Protein backbone atom coordinates (compact mmCIF):
# COMPACT_ATOMS: atom_id res chain seq x y z
CA MET A 1 99.85 71.03 94.19
CA ASN A 2 98.15 67.66 93.76
CA PRO A 3 97.69 67.14 89.98
CA SER A 4 94.49 65.22 90.56
CA ALA A 5 92.92 67.90 92.75
CA PRO A 6 90.32 70.10 91.03
CA ILE A 7 91.44 73.65 90.31
CA THR A 8 88.96 76.25 91.57
CA PRO A 9 89.13 80.05 92.00
CA SER A 10 89.92 79.54 95.69
CA THR A 11 92.94 77.38 94.92
CA PHE A 12 95.07 80.52 94.44
CA PRO A 13 94.60 84.04 95.87
CA ALA A 14 93.36 86.82 93.65
CA LEU A 15 96.43 88.22 91.94
CA SER A 16 97.19 91.74 90.81
CA ASP A 17 99.54 93.30 88.33
CA PRO A 18 102.13 95.93 89.45
CA VAL A 19 99.56 98.75 89.26
CA GLY A 20 96.97 96.88 91.29
CA GLU A 21 94.57 95.76 88.54
CA PRO A 22 93.44 92.14 88.95
CA TRP A 23 94.61 89.59 86.44
CA PRO A 24 92.00 87.50 84.58
CA LEU A 25 90.31 84.83 86.67
CA GLU A 26 91.64 82.15 84.33
CA LEU A 27 95.19 83.20 85.13
CA GLN A 28 94.56 83.31 88.87
CA MET A 29 93.59 79.62 88.81
CA LEU A 30 96.87 78.48 87.29
CA PRO A 31 99.88 77.31 89.35
CA PRO A 32 102.74 79.81 89.62
CA GLY A 33 106.27 79.14 88.42
CA PRO A 34 108.95 78.16 88.29
CA LEU A 35 107.59 74.95 86.81
CA THR A 36 109.33 72.29 84.77
CA SER A 37 107.95 71.07 81.46
CA ALA A 38 106.85 67.84 83.13
CA GLU A 39 104.99 69.69 85.89
CA LEU A 40 103.20 71.89 83.37
CA ALA A 41 102.18 68.88 81.32
CA GLN A 42 100.62 67.30 84.42
CA GLN A 43 98.80 70.36 85.72
CA VAL A 44 97.94 72.67 82.81
CA SER A 45 96.43 72.07 79.40
CA PRO A 46 98.63 72.85 76.35
CA SER A 47 96.37 75.71 75.24
CA LEU A 48 96.66 77.44 78.64
CA VAL A 49 100.41 76.89 78.66
CA ARG A 50 100.71 78.64 75.30
CA ARG A 51 98.57 81.57 76.47
CA HIS A 52 99.77 82.15 80.02
CA TYR A 53 103.29 80.79 80.50
CA ARG A 54 106.66 82.14 79.43
CA ARG A 55 109.92 80.26 79.19
CA ILE A 56 112.66 81.16 81.68
CA TRP A 57 115.11 78.84 79.95
CA HIS A 58 114.90 75.42 78.36
CA GLY A 59 112.58 73.20 80.39
CA MET A 60 111.62 75.86 82.98
CA TYR A 61 108.61 78.19 82.86
CA ARG A 62 106.95 81.05 84.76
CA ARG A 63 103.42 82.37 84.71
CA GLU A 64 103.05 85.52 82.64
CA ASP A 65 102.20 87.71 85.66
CA GLN A 66 105.48 86.79 87.35
CA ALA A 67 108.31 89.21 86.64
CA ASP A 68 111.28 87.68 84.87
CA GLY A 69 113.82 88.86 87.44
CA LEU A 70 116.47 87.58 89.79
CA GLU A 71 114.05 85.97 92.24
CA ILE A 72 112.18 83.73 89.80
CA ARG A 73 115.43 82.79 88.05
CA SER A 74 117.14 81.97 91.34
CA ARG A 75 114.27 79.71 92.34
CA ALA A 76 114.34 78.10 88.90
CA LEU A 77 118.07 77.45 89.22
CA ALA A 78 117.59 75.90 92.67
CA LYS A 79 114.88 73.68 91.21
CA THR A 80 117.15 72.66 88.35
CA PHE A 81 119.91 71.61 90.78
CA PRO A 82 118.33 70.33 94.03
CA ASP A 83 121.77 69.42 95.39
CA GLY A 84 123.06 72.96 94.81
CA VAL A 85 123.07 75.95 97.16
CA LEU A 86 122.07 79.48 96.13
CA ARG A 87 124.85 81.94 96.91
CA GLY A 88 125.93 85.55 96.29
CA ARG A 89 123.23 87.87 94.95
CA SER A 90 120.68 85.04 94.81
CA ALA A 91 121.17 84.11 98.47
CA ALA A 92 121.14 87.78 99.50
CA LEU A 93 117.81 88.26 97.73
CA MET A 94 116.33 85.27 99.54
CA TRP A 95 117.44 86.82 102.85
CA GLY A 96 115.71 90.10 101.98
CA ASP A 97 118.36 92.20 100.21
CA ASP A 98 116.46 94.75 98.11
CA SER A 99 119.56 96.24 96.46
CA ALA A 100 120.23 93.44 93.99
CA PRO A 101 119.62 94.42 90.34
CA GLU A 102 116.72 92.55 88.75
CA ASP A 103 118.90 91.67 85.76
CA ALA A 104 121.68 90.17 87.90
CA PRO A 105 122.38 86.54 86.92
CA PRO A 106 121.33 83.88 89.46
CA GLU A 107 124.19 82.20 91.30
CA ILE A 108 124.48 78.70 92.70
CA TRP A 109 127.16 76.54 94.28
CA LEU A 110 127.36 73.01 92.90
CA PRO A 111 129.13 69.96 94.32
CA ALA A 112 130.38 68.96 90.86
CA THR A 113 131.22 70.86 87.70
CA ARG A 114 128.52 71.43 85.11
CA ARG A 115 128.43 72.78 81.62
CA THR A 116 128.33 76.59 81.73
CA ARG A 117 125.05 78.18 80.67
CA GLN A 118 124.64 81.78 79.57
CA GLY A 119 122.92 83.98 82.16
CA ARG A 120 123.68 81.62 85.05
CA VAL A 121 126.65 81.59 87.43
CA TYR A 122 127.97 78.26 88.71
CA ARG A 123 130.48 78.19 91.57
CA TYR A 124 132.46 75.31 92.98
CA GLY A 125 134.94 74.68 95.79
CA ALA A 126 134.60 74.11 99.52
CA MET A 127 131.17 74.58 101.06
CA PRO A 128 131.03 73.38 104.69
CA GLY A 129 127.73 72.11 105.99
CA HIS A 130 127.47 74.84 108.63
CA ALA A 131 127.42 77.45 105.82
CA ILE A 132 124.22 76.00 104.34
CA THR A 133 120.66 76.57 105.50
CA GLU A 134 117.18 76.75 104.00
CA VAL A 135 114.86 79.69 103.26
CA ASP A 136 111.32 79.16 102.00
CA GLY A 137 112.15 75.61 100.92
CA VAL A 138 115.28 76.65 99.01
CA ARG A 139 118.86 75.76 100.01
CA VAL A 140 120.93 78.94 100.46
CA THR A 141 124.15 80.01 102.12
CA THR A 142 123.86 81.40 105.65
CA PRO A 143 123.79 85.20 106.04
CA LEU A 144 127.41 85.27 107.25
CA ARG A 145 128.67 83.13 104.38
CA THR A 146 126.58 85.20 101.95
CA CYS A 147 128.28 88.37 103.19
CA ARG A 148 131.69 86.79 102.71
CA ASP A 149 130.81 85.83 99.13
CA LEU A 150 129.44 89.30 98.37
CA ALA A 151 132.59 90.95 99.74
CA VAL A 152 134.75 88.83 97.44
CA ASP A 153 132.60 88.92 94.29
CA LEU A 154 131.19 92.47 94.13
CA GLU A 155 132.67 95.92 93.75
CA PHE A 156 133.38 97.54 97.11
CA GLU A 157 130.39 99.91 97.19
CA ASP A 158 127.92 97.27 95.99
CA ALA A 159 129.26 94.82 98.58
CA VAL A 160 128.90 97.30 101.45
CA VAL A 161 125.35 98.22 100.41
CA SER A 162 124.28 94.60 100.07
CA VAL A 163 125.78 93.60 103.42
CA GLU A 164 124.04 96.53 105.12
CA ARG A 165 120.70 95.47 103.66
CA LEU A 166 121.26 91.98 105.04
CA CYS A 167 122.07 93.46 108.45
CA ALA A 168 118.71 95.24 108.34
CA MET A 169 116.96 91.90 107.76
CA VAL A 170 118.93 89.56 110.06
CA ALA A 171 119.14 90.89 113.62
CA GLU A 172 122.12 88.81 114.76
CA LEU A 173 124.22 89.41 111.64
CA PRO A 174 126.03 92.64 112.71
CA ALA A 175 127.49 90.92 115.78
CA GLN A 176 128.52 87.90 113.71
CA LEU A 177 130.24 90.14 111.16
CA ARG A 178 132.18 92.03 113.83
CA ALA A 179 133.39 88.77 115.36
CA ALA A 180 134.36 87.29 111.99
CA ALA A 181 136.21 90.46 110.94
CA GLU A 182 138.43 90.25 114.04
CA HIS A 183 140.09 87.10 112.70
CA PRO A 184 139.56 86.98 108.92
CA ILE A 185 140.97 83.90 107.22
CA GLY A 186 140.75 82.22 103.83
CA ARG A 187 140.24 83.55 100.32
CA GLY A 188 139.10 87.15 100.22
CA ALA A 189 139.78 87.72 103.92
CA ARG A 190 141.12 91.23 103.34
CA ASP A 191 138.17 92.21 101.13
CA PHE A 192 135.75 90.86 103.72
CA GLU A 193 137.40 92.81 106.54
CA GLN A 194 137.33 96.06 104.54
CA VAL A 195 133.65 95.66 103.70
CA VAL A 196 132.69 94.93 107.31
CA ARG A 197 134.66 97.93 108.59
CA ALA A 198 132.84 100.20 106.15
CA CYS A 199 129.35 98.94 107.05
CA ASP A 200 126.84 100.82 109.17
CA PRO A 201 123.99 98.43 110.13
CA ARG A 202 121.75 101.38 111.00
CA SER A 203 121.28 102.35 107.35
CA ILE A 204 117.63 102.28 106.34
CA SER A 205 118.01 101.95 102.55
CA ALA A 206 120.46 101.18 99.78
CA MET A 207 120.27 104.77 98.52
CA SER A 208 121.05 106.15 101.97
CA SER A 209 124.07 103.84 102.19
CA ARG A 210 125.38 104.98 98.80
CA ALA A 211 124.93 108.64 99.73
CA ARG A 212 126.90 108.12 102.95
CA MET A 213 129.73 106.40 101.09
CA VAL A 214 129.95 109.22 98.52
CA LEU A 215 130.31 111.78 101.31
CA ALA A 216 132.74 109.66 103.33
CA ASP A 217 134.93 109.06 100.28
CA ALA A 218 135.25 112.85 99.84
CA ASP A 219 135.83 113.36 103.59
CA CYS A 220 132.81 115.66 103.72
CA GLY A 221 131.47 116.19 107.23
CA ASP A 222 130.63 113.39 109.62
CA PHE A 223 127.44 111.95 108.16
CA GLY A 224 126.00 108.85 109.78
CA HIS A 225 122.80 106.91 110.31
CA GLY A 226 120.68 106.70 113.42
CA HIS A 227 120.89 110.31 114.70
CA GLN A 228 117.71 111.27 116.55
CA VAL A 229 116.12 114.68 117.01
CA ARG A 230 113.03 115.76 118.90
CA LEU A 231 110.34 117.32 116.74
CA GLY A 232 107.68 118.56 119.11
CA ARG A 233 106.75 115.57 121.22
CA ASN A 234 108.14 112.99 118.81
CA LEU A 235 111.65 111.60 118.69
CA VAL A 236 112.52 111.18 115.01
CA GLU A 237 115.43 109.19 113.59
CA LEU A 238 117.05 110.86 110.59
CA PRO A 239 118.04 108.59 107.68
CA LEU A 240 121.45 110.29 107.24
CA ALA A 241 122.71 113.34 109.08
CA ASP A 242 125.69 115.37 110.28
CA PRO A 243 124.43 116.77 113.61
CA VAL A 244 127.35 119.20 114.01
CA ALA A 245 126.66 120.77 110.60
CA ARG A 246 122.92 120.39 111.19
CA CYS A 247 122.42 118.82 107.79
CA ALA A 248 120.05 115.92 107.04
CA VAL A 249 120.03 113.87 103.84
CA TYR A 250 116.84 112.20 102.64
CA THR A 251 116.91 109.78 99.74
CA SER A 252 114.07 109.17 97.32
CA PRO A 253 114.67 106.16 95.05
CA ALA A 254 113.19 105.99 91.57
CA PRO A 255 109.91 104.11 91.15
CA VAL A 256 110.42 100.40 90.52
CA SER A 257 108.09 97.49 89.91
CA ALA A 258 106.37 96.16 92.99
CA PRO A 259 108.30 93.53 94.99
CA ALA A 260 107.53 89.90 94.43
CA SER A 261 105.50 89.68 97.64
CA VAL A 262 103.17 92.32 96.19
CA ARG A 263 103.35 91.30 92.52
CA TRP A 264 102.24 87.80 93.43
CA GLY A 265 99.97 88.83 96.27
CA THR A 266 96.41 90.02 96.38
CA SER A 267 95.00 93.29 95.10
CA SER A 268 94.42 94.41 98.69
CA GLN A 269 98.08 93.76 99.51
CA ALA A 270 99.17 95.96 96.62
CA GLY A 271 96.82 98.71 97.81
CA ASP A 272 98.05 98.40 101.40
CA ALA A 273 101.67 98.74 100.26
CA GLU A 274 100.85 101.85 98.23
CA SER A 275 98.95 103.38 101.15
CA LEU A 276 101.83 102.71 103.55
CA ARG A 277 104.29 104.29 101.10
CA ALA A 278 102.09 107.40 100.80
CA ARG A 279 101.84 107.76 104.60
CA ARG A 280 105.61 107.48 104.95
CA ASP A 281 106.14 110.11 102.24
CA ARG A 282 103.78 112.53 104.00
CA ALA A 283 105.48 111.99 107.36
CA SER A 284 108.90 112.49 105.77
CA ALA A 285 107.77 115.78 104.17
CA ARG A 286 106.49 117.03 107.54
CA HIS A 287 109.78 116.14 109.23
CA GLN A 288 111.79 117.90 106.52
CA SER A 289 109.73 121.06 106.86
CA ARG A 290 110.07 121.12 110.64
CA LEU A 291 113.81 120.53 110.41
CA GLN A 292 114.17 123.52 108.08
CA GLY A 293 112.14 125.62 110.50
CA ALA A 294 114.53 124.64 113.29
CA GLY A 295 117.61 125.71 111.38
CA TRP A 296 118.64 122.47 109.66
CA THR A 297 119.65 122.19 106.02
CA VAL A 298 117.86 119.37 104.20
CA ILE A 299 119.26 117.63 101.12
CA ILE A 300 116.91 115.55 98.96
CA VAL A 301 118.64 112.94 96.80
CA ARG A 302 116.64 111.40 93.96
CA GLU A 303 117.85 108.36 92.08
CA ARG A 304 116.48 109.43 88.71
CA ALA A 305 115.44 112.67 87.04
CA ARG A 306 111.85 113.69 87.82
CA GLY A 307 111.75 117.06 86.12
CA VAL A 308 113.09 118.85 89.21
CA THR A 309 115.95 121.28 88.72
CA THR A 310 118.94 120.87 91.01
CA LEU A 311 118.63 123.60 93.61
CA LEU A 312 121.98 124.82 94.95
CA PRO A 313 122.27 128.01 97.01
CA ARG A 314 123.57 131.30 95.64
CA PRO A 315 127.26 131.92 96.41
CA GLY A 316 127.59 133.16 99.93
CA THR A 317 124.18 131.91 101.09
CA VAL A 318 125.82 128.98 102.87
CA PRO A 319 129.45 129.38 104.00
CA GLU A 320 131.87 126.99 102.30
CA THR A 321 134.28 126.45 105.21
CA GLY A 322 133.88 124.80 108.59
CA PRO A 323 130.80 122.85 109.71
CA ALA A 324 128.50 125.52 108.26
CA GLY A 325 129.97 124.85 104.79
CA VAL A 326 129.32 121.12 104.91
CA PRO A 327 125.74 121.24 103.52
CA ARG A 328 126.72 123.07 100.33
CA ARG A 329 129.71 120.82 99.69
CA ALA A 330 127.66 117.70 100.45
CA ALA A 331 124.92 118.81 98.06
CA GLY A 332 127.49 119.40 95.33
CA LEU A 333 129.03 115.95 95.79
CA LEU A 334 125.65 114.25 95.76
CA ALA A 335 124.42 116.29 92.79
CA ALA A 336 127.47 115.18 90.79
CA ARG A 337 126.15 111.63 91.02
CA TRP A 338 122.40 112.23 91.28
CA PRO A 339 121.71 115.37 89.19
CA THR A 340 118.25 116.03 90.61
CA THR A 341 119.58 116.54 94.13
CA GLU A 342 117.90 119.45 95.96
CA LEU A 343 119.41 121.61 98.67
CA ARG A 344 116.78 123.15 100.94
CA LEU A 345 118.11 125.86 103.20
CA PRO A 346 116.93 126.62 106.73
CA ALA A 347 113.68 128.57 106.91
CA HIS A 348 115.37 131.48 108.70
CA GLY A 349 118.74 133.17 108.51
CA GLU A 350 120.35 131.90 111.70
CA ALA A 351 120.74 128.18 112.36
CA ALA A 352 119.44 126.73 115.60
CA SER A 353 121.96 126.88 118.42
CA ASP A 354 121.44 123.29 119.58
CA PRO A 355 122.98 120.65 117.26
CA HIS A 356 121.52 117.77 119.28
CA GLY A 357 117.87 118.47 118.60
CA LEU A 358 116.83 119.87 121.98
CA TRP A 359 115.34 122.89 120.20
CA GLY A 360 112.27 120.79 119.62
CA SER A 361 111.56 120.54 123.33
CA PRO A 362 108.05 121.66 124.32
CA TRP A 363 109.46 123.74 127.21
């Protein structure tokens, strides 16, 4: 922003808080963070700074409507070190990874050592030029290099989930990962190869990925992403399913604060996001009901308790051996980690005879 330019209500879009209520007009007219002390002194009066800005760390500030999470701190770190490169969780977030914890410390690669600061991660070592790019004006590692760093730095499950979320955002990344895993070299090569082998780029959410890994670790069924069934005239892709056992797993994450694009966007954007979420929930409920009517078992996995009792079948309702026993075992494994897991049995006694979804044919 030009410091000499007059600030008017049209200078910034109308902002909304996480529940969609507009912030005061005075706040909407102020420049968003991260801002240095010098930038604030040039653009905002001291009284407004005291009322509407919060310190991220010494010399760096955010506007009070901006959540103090990984994104704002990563951008602040990049602003503090213009010659650095965001890496790890910070780079993954910039590429669209929605699985990173908000309280994760920002990470940056630096060409020279610096004094360590609490709540910030500095990395050093080799960083070839072809591993660096730019996203939204911020220097970050490329998606492939980011995946390599995640595989080395994170626990196995977290690394797989994060890499899968990046694959969902960067179309060419799955092919790059497969090629790189064929000839892994350098530090962490074995970890990188293991993470890539465990990834399924078709996963639609972090929760769905974690559920698949829990079931795979226990060798329960053959659950995977991307299986399609025909419901009436529509071809529907199931988030996680074992078609032989005719069992579908739906995940329902706990409510979280709105993403930055909504938190810092307009009130209408927040409303549009909420409306889209409601439409998706209604469509998902319809699909679940129709699956049960066609002889499928549906498992609902919730990330956090919502006052719903875990519903497991009575002994003998679902056989415990063979493909027909997979749903009950899967529900038990998932309920051990997510206690509010629900097991919804088929709507009739006998399962559908077609495991590939042809029962939905209009003929």
